[in-house]
């Protein structure tokens, strides 16, 4: 995968912080803050940019370890992103270990749909990186 133009989405009005990394064949979208109705649009934009940057047969890894709240609007955006990933032949993987994310995902039965993991997969180039 060649380097793509992925930049920090520095939306001053938004309490949601988003950044992207291209690590080997993986595109990693890191999200911090609260994903609710007021920030769902920013989250959706971040996911779309990640999907666009990923090539068929690769992974889009969404790192939600620094998310403090995940509401229904955010879950809806993740479900929609999964559908777009399928259409683009990209594997969507969500990494989160905090109850703020894990609980809502489990309550709605979406853990297998989103390929929810507590840690980055061992073959991800992110391991050992400061990010």
Protein backbone atom coordinates (compact mmCIF):
# COMPACT_ATOMS: atom_id res chain seq x y z
CA UNK A 1 0.00 0.00 0.00
CA UNK A 2 1.50 3.34 -0.95
CA UNK A 3 1.38 6.36 1.35
CA UNK A 4 -1.93 8.21 1.27
CA UNK A 5 -2.80 11.74 2.20
CA UNK A 6 -4.30 11.05 5.64
CA UNK A 7 -4.43 14.03 7.95
CA UNK A 8 -5.68 14.78 11.43
CA UNK A 9 -9.27 15.90 11.27
CA UNK A 10 -8.78 18.99 13.43
CA UNK A 11 -12.34 20.20 13.68
CA UNK A 12 -12.15 22.91 16.35
CA UNK A 13 -15.91 22.84 16.99
CA UNK A 14 -15.83 19.13 17.74
CA UNK A 15 -14.75 17.51 20.99
CA UNK A 16 -13.95 14.38 18.95
CA UNK A 17 -10.29 13.94 18.02
CA UNK A 18 -9.43 11.78 15.03
CA UNK A 19 -6.18 10.77 13.36
CA UNK A 20 -5.15 8.28 10.71
CA UNK A 21 -2.10 6.08 10.20
CA UNK A 22 -1.11 3.85 7.32
CA UNK A 23 0.83 1.00 8.91
CA UNK A 24 1.93 -1.66 6.48
CA UNK A 25 -1.25 -2.73 4.73
CA UNK A 26 -3.50 -1.53 7.57
CA UNK A 27 -5.26 1.80 7.77
CA UNK A 28 -5.78 2.77 11.41
CA UNK A 29 -8.34 5.37 12.44
CA UNK A 30 -7.82 6.53 16.04
CA UNK A 31 -10.68 8.23 17.80
CA UNK A 32 -10.73 9.98 21.18
CA UNK A 33 -13.56 11.74 22.96
CA UNK A 34 -17.31 11.22 22.89
CA UNK A 35 -19.17 9.76 19.93
CA UNK A 36 -22.75 10.95 20.20
CA UNK A 37 -25.31 12.66 18.01
CA UNK A 38 -23.30 15.91 17.97
CA UNK A 39 -20.05 14.23 16.83
CA UNK A 40 -21.44 11.39 14.69
CA UNK A 41 -20.85 13.36 11.48
CA UNK A 42 -17.17 13.85 12.30
CA UNK A 43 -16.91 10.15 13.14
CA UNK A 44 -18.60 9.19 9.88
CA UNK A 45 -16.19 11.39 7.91
CA UNK A 46 -13.23 9.76 9.67
CA UNK A 47 -14.52 6.29 8.87
CA UNK A 48 -15.15 7.18 5.22
CA UNK A 49 -11.64 8.60 4.81
CA UNK A 50 -10.26 5.39 6.30
CA UNK A 51 -12.32 3.25 3.94
CA UNK A 52 -11.21 5.33 0.96
CA UNK A 53 -7.56 4.94 1.97
CA UNK A 54 -7.78 1.16 2.45
CA UNK A 55 -7.19 -1.10 -0.51
CA UNK A 56 -9.25 -4.23 -1.26
CA UNK A 57 -8.10 -7.16 0.83
CA UNK A 58 -6.66 -4.96 3.62
CA UNK A 59 -7.96 -3.91 7.04
CA UNK A 60 -9.46 -0.75 8.41
CA UNK A 61 -8.72 -0.84 12.13
CA UNK A 62 -10.77 1.61 14.19
CA UNK A 63 -9.02 2.28 17.52
CA UNK A 64 -11.64 3.37 20.06
CA UNK A 65 -9.49 2.88 23.16
CA UNK A 66 -9.63 6.60 23.98
CA UNK A 67 -13.38 6.95 23.43
CA UNK A 68 -15.15 8.09 26.59
CA UNK A 69 -18.71 7.53 25.34
CA UNK A 70 -20.19 5.60 22.41
CA UNK A 71 -23.82 6.36 21.72
CA UNK A 72 -26.34 4.82 19.35
CA UNK A 73 -25.44 7.35 16.63
CA UNK A 74 -21.82 6.14 16.73
CA UNK A 75 -22.88 2.50 16.62
CA UNK A 76 -25.03 3.27 13.61
CA UNK A 77 -22.02 4.84 11.84
CA UNK A 78 -19.92 1.76 12.62
CA UNK A 79 -22.58 -0.55 11.21
CA UNK A 80 -22.83 1.55 8.08
CA UNK A 81 -19.01 1.62 7.75
CA UNK A 82 -19.00 -2.18 7.94
CA UNK A 83 -21.41 -2.32 5.01
CA UNK A 84 -19.20 0.06 3.02
CA UNK A 85 -16.13 -2.02 3.90
CA UNK A 86 -17.81 -5.15 2.60
CA UNK A 87 -18.57 -3.35 -0.65
CA UNK A 88 -14.94 -2.20 -0.87
CA UNK A 89 -13.56 -5.64 0.10
CA UNK A 90 -11.95 -4.18 3.22
CA UNK A 91 -12.04 -5.89 6.62
CA UNK A 92 -13.36 -3.64 9.41
CA UNK A 93 -11.91 -4.31 12.84
CA UNK A 94 -12.72 -2.34 16.00
CA UNK A 95 -10.19 -2.26 18.85
CA UNK A 96 -11.53 -1.24 22.26
CA UNK A 97 -11.10 -2.49 25.78
CA UNK A 98 -13.03 0.10 27.81
CA UNK A 99 -16.58 -0.49 28.98
CA UNK A 100 -17.58 2.84 27.40
CA UNK A 101 -17.34 1.13 24.01
CA UNK A 102 -17.53 -2.59 24.76
CA UNK A 103 -20.80 -2.44 26.72
CA UNK A 104 -22.91 -0.69 24.05
CA UNK A 105 -21.47 -2.94 21.33
CA UNK A 106 -22.30 -6.07 23.34
CA UNK A 107 -25.75 -4.88 24.42
CA UNK A 108 -26.68 -4.52 20.76
CA UNK A 109 -25.00 -7.83 19.83
CA UNK A 110 -22.57 -6.20 17.42
CA UNK A 111 -19.24 -7.64 18.66
CA UNK A 112 -18.86 -10.20 15.89
CA UNK A 113 -20.32 -7.87 13.26
CA UNK A 114 -17.63 -5.29 14.05
CA UNK A 115 -14.90 -7.84 14.77
CA UNK A 116 -14.42 -6.27 18.21
CA UNK A 117 -11.03 -6.93 19.80
CA UNK A 118 -9.50 -5.81 23.09
CA UNK A 119 -6.04 -5.41 21.51
CA UNK A 120 -4.48 -4.82 18.14
CA UNK A 121 -3.88 -8.05 16.22
CA UNK A 122 -0.32 -9.39 16.58
CA UNK A 123 0.41 -8.93 12.88
CA UNK A 124 -0.45 -5.21 12.97
CA UNK A 125 2.55 -2.93 12.40
CA UNK A 126 1.29 -0.71 15.24
CA UNK A 127 2.61 -3.02 17.95
CA UNK A 128 5.41 -1.29 19.81
CA UNK A 129 4.62 2.07 18.20
CA UNK A 130 3.80 5.24 20.11
CA UNK A 131 1.27 5.96 17.43
